[in-house]
PDB file of N, CA and C in Angstrom:
ATOM      1  N   MET A   1      -5.409  -7.461  -0.204  1.00  0.00           N
ATOM      2  CA  MET A   1      -6.254  -7.440  -1.201  1.00  0.00           C
ATOM      3  C   MET A   1      -8.138  -6.252  -1.359  1.00  0.00           C
ATOM      4  N   LEU A   2      -8.177  -6.292  -2.175  1.00  0.00           N
ATOM      5  CA  LEU A   2      -9.216  -4.777  -2.041  1.00  0.00           C
ATOM      6  C   LEU A   2     -10.865  -5.974  -2.296  1.00  0.00           C
ATOM      7  N   GLU A   3     -11.613  -5.275  -2.409  1.00  0.00           N
ATOM      8  CA  GLU A   3     -13.084  -5.991  -2.858  1.00  0.00           C
ATOM      9  C   GLU A   3     -13.094  -6.814  -3.804  1.00  0.00           C
ATOM     10  N   PRO A   4     -13.709  -7.480  -3.951  1.00  0.00           N
ATOM     11  CA  PRO A   4     -13.947  -8.481  -5.189  1.00  0.00           C
ATOM     12  C   PRO A   4     -14.078  -7.449  -6.519  1.00  0.00           C
ATOM     13  N   GLU A   5     -15.268  -6.539  -6.699  1.00  0.00           N
ATOM     14  CA  GLU A   5     -15.476  -5.706  -7.964  1.00  0.00           C
ATOM     15  C   GLU A   5     -14.016  -5.335  -7.993  1.00  0.00           C
ATOM     16  N   VAL A   6     -13.759  -4.660  -7.097  1.00  0.00           N
ATOM     17  CA  VAL A   6     -12.163  -3.820  -7.486  1.00  0.00           C
ATOM     18  C   VAL A   6     -11.202  -4.519  -8.028  1.00  0.00           C
ATOM     19  N   GLU A   7     -11.407  -5.845  -7.092  1.00  0.00           N
ATOM     20  CA  GLU A   7      -9.963  -6.339  -8.031  1.00  0.00           C
ATOM     21  C   GLU A   7     -10.326  -6.860  -9.704  1.00  0.00           C
ATOM     22  N   HIS A   8     -11.322  -7.434  -9.767  1.00  0.00           N
ATOM     23  CA  HIS A   8     -11.639  -7.483 -10.934  1.00  0.00           C
ATOM     24  C   HIS A   8     -11.687  -6.310 -11.606  1.00  0.00           C
ATOM     25  N   LYS A   9     -11.574  -5.346 -11.698  1.00  0.00           N
ATOM     26  CA  LYS A   9     -11.706  -4.396 -12.450  1.00  0.00           C
ATOM     27  C   LYS A   9     -10.173  -3.731 -12.405  1.00  0.00           C
ATOM     28  N   LEU A  10      -9.563  -4.057 -11.442  1.00  0.00           N
ATOM     29  CA  LEU A  10      -8.199  -4.105 -11.722  1.00  0.00           C
ATOM     30  C   LEU A  10      -7.137  -4.771 -12.720  1.00  0.00           C
ATOM     31  N   ALA A  11      -8.066  -6.084 -12.469  1.00  0.00           N
ATOM     32  CA  ALA A  11      -7.246  -6.941 -13.351  1.00  0.00           C
ATOM     33  C   ALA A  11      -7.200  -6.553 -14.548  1.00  0.00           C
ATOM     34  N   ALA A  12      -8.584  -6.215 -15.338  1.00  0.00           N
ATOM     35  CA  ALA A  12      -8.905  -5.571 -16.416  1.00  0.00           C
ATOM     36  C   ALA A  12      -8.137  -4.416 -16.613  1.00  0.00           C
ATOM     37  N   ALA A  13      -7.947  -3.230 -16.207  1.00  0.00           N
ATOM     38  CA  ALA A  13      -7.254  -2.497 -16.586  1.00  0.00           C
ATOM     39  C   ALA A  13      -5.377  -1.980 -16.342  1.00  0.00           C
ATOM     40  N   TRP A  14      -5.319  -2.862 -15.883  1.00  0.00           N
ATOM     41  CA  TRP A  14      -3.828  -3.471 -15.950  1.00  0.00           C
ATOM     42  C   TRP A  14      -3.339  -5.206 -15.778  1.00  0.00           C
ATOM     43  N   PRO A  15      -3.584  -5.177 -17.305  1.00  0.00           N
ATOM     44  CA  PRO A  15      -2.983  -7.006 -17.086  1.00  0.00           C
ATOM     45  C   PRO A  15      -2.272  -7.511 -16.113  1.00  0.00           C
ATOM     46  N   SER A  16      -0.944  -6.098 -16.379  1.00  0.00           N
ATOM     47  CA  SER A  16       0.454  -6.702 -15.662  1.00  0.00           C
ATOM     48  C   SER A  16       0.403  -7.012 -14.454  1.00  0.00           C
ATOM     49  N   GLU A  17       1.052  -7.845 -13.641  1.00  0.00           N
ATOM     50  CA  GLU A  17       1.015  -8.063 -12.290  1.00  0.00           C
ATOM     51  C   GLU A  17       1.723  -6.589 -11.362  1.00  0.00           C
ATOM     52  N   GLU A  18       2.367  -6.368 -11.987  1.00  0.00           N
ATOM     53  CA  GLU A  18       3.557  -5.270 -11.574  1.00  0.00           C
ATOM     54  C   GLU A  18       2.588  -3.570 -11.147  1.00  0.00           C
ATOM     55  N   ASP A  19       2.282  -3.491 -12.451  1.00  0.00           N
ATOM     56  CA  ASP A  19       1.204  -2.264 -12.777  1.00  0.00           C
ATOM     57  C   ASP A  19       0.211  -2.576 -11.837  1.00  0.00           C
ATOM     58  N   ARG A  20      -0.904  -3.780 -11.775  1.00  0.00           N
ATOM     59  CA  ARG A  20      -1.851  -4.152 -10.865  1.00  0.00           C
ATOM     60  C   ARG A  20      -1.359  -3.595  -9.249  1.00  0.00           C
ATOM     61  N   ALA A  21      -0.248  -4.591  -9.224  1.00  0.00           N
ATOM     62  CA  ALA A  21       0.351  -3.859  -7.754  1.00  0.00           C
ATOM     63  C   ALA A  21       0.316  -3.123  -7.182  1.00  0.00           C
ATOM     64  N   ALA A  22       1.036  -1.888  -8.228  1.00  0.00           N
ATOM     65  CA  ALA A  22       1.037  -0.131  -8.047  1.00  0.00           C
ATOM     66  C   ALA A  22      -0.312   0.229  -7.901  1.00  0.00           C
ATOM     67  N   ALA A  23      -1.420  -0.076  -8.688  1.00  0.00           N
ATOM     68  CA  ALA A  23      -2.589   0.327  -8.971  1.00  0.00           C
ATOM     69  C   ALA A  23      -3.494  -0.007  -7.525  1.00  0.00           C
ATOM     70  N   ARG A  24      -3.089  -1.407  -6.826  1.00  0.00           N
ATOM     71  CA  ARG A  24      -3.504  -1.597  -5.877  1.00  0.00           C
ATOM     72  C   ARG A  24      -3.474  -0.872  -4.353  1.00  0.00           C
ATOM     73  N   ALA A  25      -2.078  -0.518  -4.532  1.00  0.00           N
ATOM     74  CA  ALA A  25      -1.566  -0.332  -3.444  1.00  0.00           C
ATOM     75  C   ALA A  25      -1.474   1.386  -3.285  1.00  0.00           C
ATOM     76  N   GLU A  26      -2.187   1.914  -4.658  1.00  0.00           N
ATOM     77  CA  GLU A  26      -2.483   3.791  -4.769  1.00  0.00           C
ATOM     78  C   GLU A  26      -3.984   3.615  -4.262  1.00  0.00           C
ATOM     79  N   LEU A  27      -4.632   2.727  -4.563  1.00  0.00           N
ATOM     80  CA  LEU A  27      -5.773   2.147  -4.593  1.00  0.00           C
ATOM     81  C   LEU A  27      -6.148   2.650  -2.658  1.00  0.00           C
ATOM     82  N   SER A  28      -5.595   1.516  -2.359  1.00  0.00           N
ATOM     83  CA  SER A  28      -5.186   0.856  -0.414  1.00  0.00           C
ATOM     84  C   SER A  28      -5.243   2.567  -0.129  1.00  0.00           C
ATOM     85  N   ARG A  29      -4.973   3.637  -0.251  1.00  0.00           N
ATOM     86  CA  ARG A  29      -4.618   4.814  -0.199  1.00  0.00           C
ATOM     87  C   ARG A  29      -5.977   5.401   0.331  1.00  0.00           C
ATOM     88  N   TYR A  30      -6.970   4.981  -0.158  1.00  0.00           N
ATOM     89  CA  TYR A  30      -8.312   6.034  -0.059  1.00  0.00           C
ATOM     90  C   TYR A  30      -8.911   4.348   1.000  1.00  0.00           C
ATOM     91  N   GLY A  31      -9.591   5.098   1.904  1.00  0.00           N
ATOM     92  CA  GLY A  31     -10.669   4.532   2.778  1.00  0.00           C
ATOM     93  C   GLY A  31     -10.006   4.336   4.285  1.00  0.00           C
ATOM     94  N   ILE A  32      -8.771   5.108   4.116  1.00  0.00           N
ATOM     95  CA  ILE A  32      -8.096   4.840   5.929  1.00  0.00           C
ATOM     96  C   ILE A  32      -8.868   5.694   6.278  1.00  0.00           C
ATOM     97  N   GLU A  33      -9.248   7.090   6.290  1.00  0.00           N
ATOM     98  CA  GLU A  33      -9.793   8.121   7.173  1.00  0.00           C
ATOM     99  C   GLU A  33     -10.955   7.463   7.743  1.00  0.00           C
ATOM    100  N   SER A  34     -11.553   7.992   9.091  1.00  0.00           N
ATOM    101  CA  SER A  34     -13.390   8.190   8.593  1.00  0.00           C
ATOM    102  C   SER A  34     -14.153   8.748   8.241  1.00  0.00           C
ATOM    103  N   TYR A  35     -13.173   9.629   7.471  1.00  0.00           N
ATOM    104  CA  TYR A  35     -14.307  10.138   6.421  1.00  0.00           C
ATOM    105  C   TYR A  35     -14.414  10.140   5.100  1.00  0.00           C
ATOM    106  N   GLU A  36     -13.172   9.024   4.938  1.00  0.00           N
ATOM    107  CA  GLU A  36     -13.751   8.570   3.267  1.00  0.00           C
ATOM    108  C   GLU A  36     -13.891   7.438   3.418  1.00  0.00           C
ATOM    109  N   ARG A  37     -15.670   7.727   2.942  1.00  0.00           N
ATOM    110  CA  ARG A  37     -16.735   6.795   2.808  1.00  0.00           C
ATOM    111  C   ARG A  37     -16.685   6.276   1.431  1.00  0.00           C
ATOM    112  N   GLU A  38     -17.733   5.455   1.718  1.00  0.00           N
ATOM    113  CA  GLU A  38     -18.267   4.421   0.191  1.00  0.00           C
ATOM    114  C   GLU A  38     -16.818   3.882  -0.508  1.00  0.00           C
ATOM    115  N   THR A  39     -16.178   3.330   0.382  1.00  0.00           N
ATOM    116  CA  THR A  39     -14.810   2.689  -0.319  1.00  0.00           C
ATOM    117  C   THR A  39     -14.587   1.917  -1.225  1.00  0.00           C
ATOM    118  N   GLU A  40     -15.549   1.222  -1.596  1.00  0.00           N
ATOM    119  CA  GLU A  40     -15.618   0.138  -3.020  1.00  0.00           C
ATOM    120  C   GLU A  40     -15.814   1.110  -4.136  1.00  0.00           C
ATOM    121  N   ARG A  41     -16.981   1.635  -4.030  1.00  0.00           N
ATOM    122  CA  ARG A  41     -17.485   2.516  -4.957  1.00  0.00           C
ATOM    123  C   ARG A  41     -16.763   4.038  -5.288  1.00  0.00           C
ATOM    124  N   VAL A  42     -16.248   4.637  -4.210  1.00  0.00           N
ATOM    125  CA  VAL A  42     -14.884   5.312  -5.236  1.00  0.00           C
ATOM    126  C   VAL A  42     -13.983   4.733  -5.747  1.00  0.00           C
ATOM    127  N   ARG A  43     -13.302   3.841  -5.316  1.00  0.00           N
ATOM    128  CA  ARG A  43     -12.581   2.970  -5.486  1.00  0.00           C
ATOM    129  C   ARG A  43     -12.906   2.263  -7.208  1.00  0.00           C
ATOM    130  N   LEU A  44     -14.106   2.032  -6.873  1.00  0.00           N
ATOM    131  CA  LEU A  44     -14.245   2.138  -8.999  1.00  0.00           C
ATOM    132  C   LEU A  44     -14.373   3.349  -9.450  1.00  0.00           C
ATOM    133  N   ALA A  45     -14.361   4.168  -8.529  1.00  0.00           N
ATOM    134  CA  ALA A  45     -15.119   5.628  -9.784  1.00  0.00           C
ATOM    135  C   ALA A  45     -13.554   5.730 -10.148  1.00  0.00           C
ATOM    136  N   ILE A  46     -12.371   5.963  -9.273  1.00  0.00           N
ATOM    137  CA  ILE A  46     -10.992   6.283  -9.239  1.00  0.00           C
ATOM    138  C   ILE A  46     -11.180   5.285 -10.728  1.00  0.00           C
ATOM    139  N   ILE A  47     -11.099   3.577 -10.264  1.00  0.00           N
ATOM    140  CA  ILE A  47     -10.400   2.845 -11.302  1.00  0.00           C
ATOM    141  C   ILE A  47     -11.237   3.209 -12.832  1.00  0.00           C
ATOM    142  N   LYS A  48     -12.378   4.086 -13.634  1.00  0.00           N
ATOM    143  CA  LYS A  48     -13.189   4.512 -13.884  1.00  0.00           C
ATOM    144  C   LYS A  48     -12.440   5.589 -14.929  1.00  0.00           C
ATOM    145  N   LEU A  49     -12.282   6.362 -14.086  1.00  0.00           N
ATOM    146  CA  LEU A  49     -11.672   7.697 -14.474  1.00  0.00           C
ATOM    147  C   LEU A  49     -10.028   7.831 -14.855  1.00  0.00           C
ATOM    148  N   SER A  50      -9.565   6.787 -14.486  1.00  0.00           N
ATOM    149  CA  SER A  50      -8.445   6.397 -14.748  1.00  0.00           C
ATOM    150  C   SER A  50      -7.934   6.143 -16.193  1.00  0.00           C
ATOM    151  N   GLY A  51      -8.777   5.298 -16.182  1.00  0.00           N
ATOM    152  CA  GLY A  51      -8.727   5.338 -17.711  1.00  0.00           C
ATOM    153  C   GLY A  51      -7.263   3.942 -18.488  1.00  0.00           C
ATOM    154  N   GLY A  52      -6.856   3.327 -17.544  1.00  0.00           N
ATOM    155  CA  GLY A  52      -6.099   2.709 -17.192  1.00  0.00           C
ATOM    156  C   GLY A  52      -4.343   3.143 -16.899  1.00  0.00           C
ATOM    157  N   ALA A  53      -4.011   4.398 -16.713  1.00  0.00           N
ATOM    158  CA  ALA A  53      -3.246   5.586 -16.499  1.00  0.00           C
ATOM    159  C   ALA A  53      -2.621   5.330 -14.797  1.00  0.00           C
ATOM    160  N   LEU A  54      -1.500   5.189 -14.550  1.00  0.00           N
ATOM    161  CA  LEU A  54      -1.571   5.396 -13.139  1.00  0.00           C
ATOM    162  C   LEU A  54      -1.232   5.824 -12.695  1.00  0.00           C
ATOM    163  N   GLY A  55      -0.880   6.938 -13.441  1.00  0.00           N
ATOM    164  CA  GLY A  55      -0.677   8.836 -13.318  1.00  0.00           C
ATOM    165  C   GLY A  55      -2.240   9.165 -12.957  1.00  0.00           C
ATOM    166  N   GLU A  56      -2.698   8.863 -13.755  1.00  0.00           N
ATOM    167  CA  GLU A  56      -4.306   9.490 -13.595  1.00  0.00           C
ATOM    168  C   GLU A  56      -4.423   8.756 -12.073  1.00  0.00           C
ATOM    169  N   LEU A  57      -4.526   7.447 -12.071  1.00  0.00           N
ATOM    170  CA  LEU A  57      -5.211   6.888 -10.727  1.00  0.00           C
ATOM    171  C   LEU A  57      -4.703   7.630  -9.379  1.00  0.00           C
ATOM    172  N   ARG A  58      -3.483   8.000  -9.615  1.00  0.00           N
ATOM    173  CA  ARG A  58      -2.937   9.001  -8.400  1.00  0.00           C
ATOM    174  C   ARG A  58      -3.756   9.972  -8.192  1.00  0.00           C
ATOM    175  N   ARG A  59      -3.999  10.528  -8.947  1.00  0.00           N
ATOM    176  CA  ARG A  59      -4.399  11.762  -9.367  1.00  0.00           C
ATOM    177  C   ARG A  59      -6.021  11.897  -8.801  1.00  0.00           C
ATOM    178  N   MET A  60      -6.374  10.905  -8.952  1.00  0.00           N
ATOM    179  CA  MET A  60      -8.033  10.780  -8.493  1.00  0.00           C
ATOM    180  C   MET A  60      -7.999  10.195  -7.365  1.00  0.00           C
ATOM    181  N   THR A  61      -7.148   9.134  -6.645  1.00  0.00           N
ATOM    182  CA  THR A  61      -7.402   9.137  -5.336  1.00  0.00           C
ATOM    183  C   THR A  61      -6.841  10.289  -4.769  1.00  0.00           C
ATOM    184  N   ASP A  62      -6.018  11.062  -5.174  1.00  0.00           N
ATOM    185  CA  ASP A  62      -5.692  12.109  -4.098  1.00  0.00           C
ATOM    186  C   ASP A  62      -7.388  13.317  -4.241  1.00  0.00           C
ATOM    187  N   ALA A  63      -7.722  13.145  -5.505  1.00  0.00           N
ATOM    188  CA  ALA A  63      -8.905  14.021  -5.245  1.00  0.00           C
ATOM    189  C   ALA A  63     -10.557  13.575  -4.231  1.00  0.00           C
ATOM    190  N   ALA A  64     -10.090  12.383  -4.355  1.00  0.00           N
ATOM    191  CA  ALA A  64     -11.177  11.295  -3.877  1.00  0.00           C
ATOM    192  C   ALA A  64     -10.820  11.351  -2.450  1.00  0.00           C
ATOM    193  N   LYS A  65      -9.860  11.590  -1.517  1.00  0.00           N
ATOM    194  CA  LYS A  65      -9.296  11.734  -0.178  1.00  0.00           C
ATOM    195  C   LYS A  65      -9.476  13.340  -0.084  1.00  0.00           C
ATOM    196  N   GLY A  66      -9.900  14.426  -1.496  1.00  0.00           N
ATOM    197  CA  GLY A  66      -9.985  15.589  -0.971  1.00  0.00           C
ATOM    198  C   GLY A  66     -11.439  15.615  -0.172  1.00  0.00           C
ATOM    199  N   ASP A  67     -12.366  15.353  -1.236  1.00  0.00           N
ATOM    200  CA  ASP A  67     -13.581  15.130  -1.439  1.00  0.00           C
ATOM    201  C   ASP A  67     -14.363  14.066  -2.506  1.00  0.00           C
ATOM    202  N   TYR A  68     -14.541  12.729  -1.943  1.00  0.00           N
ATOM    203  CA  TYR A  68     -15.498  12.071  -2.531  1.00  0.00           C
ATOM    204  C   TYR A  68     -15.810  11.635  -3.384  1.00  0.00           C
ATOM    205  N   ARG A  69     -16.697  12.898  -2.969  1.00  0.00           N
ATOM    206  CA  ARG A  69     -18.060  12.925  -3.787  1.00  0.00           C
ATOM    207  C   ARG A  69     -17.722  13.741  -5.220  1.00  0.00           C
ATOM    208  N   ASP A  70     -16.892  14.553  -5.411  1.00  0.00           N
ATOM    209  CA  ASP A  70     -16.435  15.412  -6.662  1.00  0.00           C
ATOM    210  C   ASP A  70     -16.008  13.703  -7.817  1.00  0.00           C
ATOM    211  N   VAL A  71     -14.958  12.456  -6.874  1.00  0.00           N
ATOM    212  CA  VAL A  71     -14.673  11.431  -7.819  1.00  0.00           C
ATOM    213  C   VAL A  71     -16.315  10.601  -8.042  1.00  0.00           C
ATOM    214  N   LEU A  72     -16.736  10.718  -7.144  1.00  0.00           N
ATOM    215  CA  LEU A  72     -18.457  10.143  -7.897  1.00  0.00           C
ATOM    216  C   LEU A  72     -18.999  10.800  -9.007  1.00  0.00           C
ATOM    217  N   MET A  73     -19.305  12.027  -8.826  1.00  0.00           N
ATOM    218  CA  MET A  73     -19.677  12.737  -9.531  1.00  0.00           C
ATOM    219  C   MET A  73     -19.294  12.554 -11.240  1.00  0.00           C
ATOM    220  N   TRP A  74     -17.812  12.749 -11.027  1.00  0.00           N
ATOM    221  CA  TRP A  74     -17.140  12.340 -12.426  1.00  0.00           C
ATOM    222  C   TRP A  74     -17.123  11.474 -12.738  1.00  0.00           C
ATOM    223  N   ALA A  75     -17.385  10.155 -12.379  1.00  0.00           N
ATOM    224  CA  ALA A  75     -17.656   9.335 -12.883  1.00  0.00           C
ATOM    225  C   ALA A  75     -18.685   8.429 -13.060  1.00  0.00           C
ATOM    226  N   GLU A  76     -19.867   8.879 -12.325  1.00  0.00           N
ATOM    227  CA  GLU A  76     -21.216   8.237 -12.484  1.00  0.00           C
ATOM    228  C   GLU A  76     -21.785   9.053 -12.893  1.00  0.00           C
ATOM    229  N   SER A  77     -21.966   9.893 -12.724  1.00  0.00           N
ATOM    230  CA  SER A  77     -22.578  11.734 -13.574  1.00  0.00           C
ATOM    231  C   SER A  77     -21.609  12.185 -15.002  1.00  0.00           C
ATOM    232  N   PRO A  78     -21.400  12.032 -15.433  1.00  0.00           N
ATOM    233  CA  PRO A  78     -20.005  12.497 -16.567  1.00  0.00           C
ATOM    234  C   PRO A  78     -21.367  14.125 -16.909  1.00  0.00           C
ATOM    235  N   GLU A  79     -22.088  13.568 -17.718  1.00  0.00           N
ATOM    236  CA  GLU A  79     -23.373  14.623 -18.313  1.00  0.00           C
ATOM    237  C   GLU A  79     -24.077  15.232 -17.893  1.00  0.00           C
ATOM    238  N   GLU A  80     -24.377  15.217 -16.201  1.00  0.00           N
ATOM    239  CA  GLU A  80     -25.054  15.959 -15.348  1.00  0.00           C
ATOM    240  C   GLU A  80     -23.701  16.691 -14.642  1.00  0.00           C
ATOM    241  N   ALA A  81     -22.676  16.538 -14.604  1.00  0.00           N
ATOM    242  CA  ALA A  81     -21.812  17.330 -14.221  1.00  0.00           C
ATOM    243  C   ALA A  81     -21.478  18.245 -15.019  1.00  0.00           C
ATOM    244  N   LYS A  82     -21.292  18.283 -16.542  1.00  0.00           N
ATOM    245  CA  LYS A  82     -21.167  19.358 -17.202  1.00  0.00           C
ATOM    246  C   LYS A  82     -22.911  20.075 -17.497  1.00  0.00           C
ATOM    247  N   ALA A  83     -24.013  19.979 -16.645  1.00  0.00           N
ATOM    248  CA  ALA A  83     -24.703  20.318 -17.211  1.00  0.00           C
ATOM    249  C   ALA A  83     -25.419  21.447 -16.249  1.00  0.00           C
ATOM    250  N   LEU A  84     -24.558  22.495 -15.978  1.00  0.00           N
ATOM    251  CA  LEU A  84     -24.640  23.852 -15.209  1.00  0.00           C
ATOM    252  C   LEU A  84     -25.962  24.180 -15.179  1.00  0.00           C
ATOM    253  N   TRP A  85     -27.232  23.993 -15.994  1.00  0.00           N
ATOM    254  CA  TRP A  85     -27.962  24.954 -15.587  1.00  0.00           C
ATOM    255  C   TRP A  85     -29.058  23.675 -14.625  1.00  0.00           C
ATOM    256  N   ALA A  86     -28.406  22.721 -14.341  1.00  0.00           N
ATOM    257  CA  ALA A  86     -29.435  21.947 -13.731  1.00  0.00           C
ATOM    258  C   ALA A  86     -29.301  22.234 -12.037  1.00  0.00           C
ATOM    259  N   VAL A  87     -28.514  22.817 -11.542  1.00  0.00           N
ATOM    260  CA  VAL A  87     -28.512  22.759 -10.364  1.00  0.00           C
ATOM    261  C   VAL A  87     -29.488  23.741 -10.127  1.00  0.00           C
ATOM    262  N   ASN A  88     -29.969  24.794 -10.770  1.00  0.00           N
ATOM    263  CA  ASN A  88     -31.022  25.779 -11.250  1.00  0.00           C
ATOM    264  C   ASN A  88     -32.035  25.312 -10.058  1.00  0.00           C
ATOM    265  N   PRO A  89     -32.974  25.813  -8.938  1.00  0.00           N
ATOM    266  CA  PRO A  89     -33.859  25.384  -8.429  1.00  0.00           C
ATOM    267  C   PRO A  89     -35.264  25.555  -9.160  1.00  0.00           C
ATOM    268  N   ASN A  90     -35.253  26.089 -10.482  1.00  0.00           N
ATOM    269  CA  ASN A  90     -36.464  26.497 -11.176  1.00  0.00           C
ATOM    270  C   ASN A  90     -36.627  26.241 -11.930  1.00  0.00           C
ATOM    271  N   LEU A  91     -36.686  25.040 -12.570  1.00  0.00           N
ATOM    272  CA  LEU A  91     -36.392  24.450 -13.275  1.00  0.00           C
ATOM    273  C   LEU A  91     -37.409  24.308 -13.822  1.00  0.00           C
ATOM    274  N   THR A  92     -37.628  24.382 -15.676  1.00  0.00           N
ATOM    275  CA  THR A  92     -39.001  24.370 -16.357  1.00  0.00           C
ATOM    276  C   THR A  92     -39.490  22.718 -16.172  1.00  0.00           C
ATOM    277  N   ASP A  93     -40.564  22.936 -16.877  1.00  0.00           N
ATOM    278  CA  ASP A  93     -40.486  21.023 -16.857  1.00  0.00           C
ATOM    279  C   ASP A  93     -39.772  20.736 -18.316  1.00  0.00           C
ATOM    280  N   GLU A  94     -39.293  20.908 -18.910  1.00  0.00           N
ATOM    281  CA  GLU A  94     -39.352  20.652 -20.443  1.00  0.00           C
ATOM    282  C   GLU A  94     -37.633  20.349 -19.582  1.00  0.00           C
ATOM    283  N   GLN A  95     -36.904  21.388 -18.496  1.00  0.00           N
ATOM    284  CA  GLN A  95     -35.775  20.993 -18.195  1.00  0.00           C
ATOM    285  C   GLN A  95     -35.596  20.081 -17.429  1.00  0.00           C
ATOM    286  N   ARG A  96     -36.531  19.622 -16.496  1.00  0.00           N
ATOM    287  CA  ARG A  96     -36.877  18.827 -15.851  1.00  0.00           C
ATOM    288  C   ARG A  96     -36.785  17.300 -16.708  1.00  0.00           C
ATOM    289  N   ARG A  97     -37.473  17.608 -17.192  1.00  0.00           N
ATOM    290  CA  ARG A  97     -37.334  15.994 -18.079  1.00  0.00           C
ATOM    291  C   ARG A  97     -36.040  15.758 -19.041  1.00  0.00           C
ATOM    292  N   GLU A  98     -35.513  17.004 -19.668  1.00  0.00           N
ATOM    293  CA  GLU A  98     -34.082  16.571 -19.770  1.00  0.00           C
ATOM    294  C   GLU A  98     -33.173  16.312 -19.000  1.00  0.00           C
ATOM    295  N   LEU A  99     -33.200  16.676 -18.213  1.00  0.00           N
ATOM    296  CA  LEU A  99     -31.966  16.520 -16.796  1.00  0.00           C
ATOM    297  C   LEU A  99     -32.413  14.841 -16.273  1.00  0.00           C
ATOM    298  N   LYS A 100     -33.925  14.455 -16.103  1.00  0.00           N
ATOM    299  CA  LYS A 100     -34.664  13.235 -16.155  1.00  0.00           C
ATOM    300  C   LYS A 100     -33.622  12.133 -17.081  1.00  0.00           C
ATOM    301  N   ALA A 101     -33.829  12.333 -18.462  1.00  0.00           N
ATOM    302  CA  ALA A 101     -33.288  12.060 -18.921  1.00  0.00           C
ATOM    303  C   ALA A 101     -31.568  11.822 -19.001  1.00  0.00           C
ATOM    304  N   ILE A 102     -30.869  12.589 -18.899  1.00  0.00           N
ATOM    305  CA  ILE A 102     -29.154  12.799 -18.816  1.00  0.00           C
ATOM    306  C   ILE A 102     -29.252  11.783 -17.406  1.00  0.00           C
ATOM    307  N   ARG A 103     -29.799  11.852 -16.597  1.00  0.00           N
ATOM    308  CA  ARG A 103     -29.673  10.844 -15.575  1.00  0.00           C
ATOM    309  C   ARG A 103     -29.603   9.912 -15.825  1.00  0.00           C
ATOM    310  N   ARG A 104     -30.938   9.156 -16.932  1.00  0.00           N
ATOM    311  CA  ARG A 104     -30.360   7.984 -17.295  1.00  0.00           C
ATOM    312  C   ARG A 104     -29.541   7.652 -18.158  1.00  0.00           C
ATOM    313  N   ARG A 105     -29.469   8.284 -18.884  1.00  0.00           N
ATOM    314  CA  ARG A 105     -28.078   8.166 -19.912  1.00  0.00           C
ATOM    315  C   ARG A 105     -26.732   7.929 -18.659  1.00  0.00           C
ATOM    316  N   ASP A 106     -26.783   8.337 -18.184  1.00  0.00           N
ATOM    317  CA  ASP A 106     -25.618   8.578 -17.182  1.00  0.00           C
ATOM    318  C   ASP A 106     -25.457   7.758 -16.286  1.00  0.00           C
ATOM    319  N   ARG A 107     -26.672   7.002 -15.901  1.00  0.00           N
ATOM    320  CA  ARG A 107     -26.804   5.692 -15.324  1.00  0.00           C
ATOM    321  C   ARG A 107     -26.331   4.548 -16.289  1.00  0.00           C
ATOM    322  N   ALA A 108     -26.698   4.274 -17.431  1.00  0.00           N
ATOM    323  CA  ALA A 108     -26.582   3.630 -18.288  1.00  0.00           C
ATOM    324  C   ALA A 108     -24.846   3.228 -18.809  1.00  0.00           C
ATOM    325  N   GLN A 109     -24.828   4.796 -18.701  1.00  0.00           N
ATOM    326  CA  GLN A 109     -22.853   4.156 -19.020  1.00  0.00           C
ATOM    327  C   GLN A 109     -22.056   4.356 -17.933  1.00  0.00           C
ATOM    328  N   MET A 110     -22.408   4.161 -16.704  1.00  0.00           N
ATOM    329  CA  MET A 110     -21.797   3.487 -15.395  1.00  0.00           C
ATOM    330  C   MET A 110     -22.205   2.012 -15.395  1.00  0.00           C
ATOM    331  N   ASP A 111     -23.483   1.608 -15.976  1.00  0.00           N
ATOM    332  CA  ASP A 111     -23.929   0.433 -15.363  1.00  0.00           C
ATOM    333  C   ASP A 111     -23.211  -0.619 -16.580  1.00  0.00           C
ATOM    334  N   ALA A 112     -22.846   0.106 -17.939  1.00  0.00           N
ATOM    335  CA  ALA A 112     -22.509  -0.592 -18.806  1.00  0.00           C
ATOM    336  C   ALA A 112     -20.704  -0.762 -18.788  1.00  0.00           C
ATOM    337  N   TRP A 113     -20.447  -0.119 -18.470  1.00  0.00           N
ATOM    338  CA  TRP A 113     -18.348   0.509 -17.571  1.00  0.00           C
ATOM    339  C   TRP A 113     -18.392  -0.876 -16.617  1.00  0.00           C
ATOM    340  N   LEU A 114     -19.455  -0.791 -15.863  1.00  0.00           N
ATOM    341  CA  LEU A 114     -19.044  -2.409 -14.468  1.00  0.00           C
ATOM    342  C   LEU A 114     -19.293  -3.276 -15.226  1.00  0.00           C
ATOM    343  N   ARG A 115     -20.482  -3.578 -15.960  1.00  0.00           N
ATOM    344  CA  ARG A 115     -20.525  -4.788 -16.507  1.00  0.00           C
ATOM    345  C   ARG A 115     -19.373  -5.131 -17.625  1.00  0.00           C
ATOM    346  N   LYS A 116     -19.029  -4.162 -18.103  1.00  0.00           N
ATOM    347  CA  LYS A 116     -17.616  -4.319 -19.491  1.00  0.00           C
ATOM    348  C   LYS A 116     -17.017  -5.538 -18.962  1.00  0.00           C
ATOM    349  N   SER A 117     -15.979  -5.417 -18.035  1.00  0.00           N
ATOM    350  CA  SER A 117     -14.986  -6.488 -17.646  1.00  0.00           C
ATOM    351  C   SER A 117     -15.975  -7.891 -17.614  1.00  0.00           C
ATOM    352  N   HIS A 118     -17.155  -8.550 -17.376  1.00  0.00           N
ATOM    353  CA  HIS A 118     -17.960  -9.639 -16.634  1.00  0.00           C
ATOM    354  C   HIS A 118     -18.443  -9.896 -18.108  1.00  0.00           C
ATOM    355  N   GLU A 119     -18.252  -9.313 -19.849  1.00  0.00           N
ATOM    356  CA  GLU A 119     -18.717 -10.484 -20.033  1.00  0.00           C
ATOM    357  C   GLU A 119     -17.852 -11.070 -21.255  1.00  0.00           C
TER     358      GLU A 119
END
């Protein structure tokens, strides 16, 4: 068994026990190594990014094993990840406001996804 929230999301994404078992086995590959941190958070991000496709779940698990921060960014901050201008250390006040708004939207979309199967 994985973390309760991860199991809940697995059930929502893969209603078939056979598919859920395959997804569970795949997710269990992440979190084995000492450098594979934030296991539950990363596993949730992998499920979100997979869109219910086992092949994509494998691909995202491989990506997380390479650098889990990429998977977290793609899942939790998709709009900010595309705002390449946001990495500029000399943002204008307007850009700072826009970045703050992007981060609010990104947080809202992740929160909505986490709540989705609980409703």
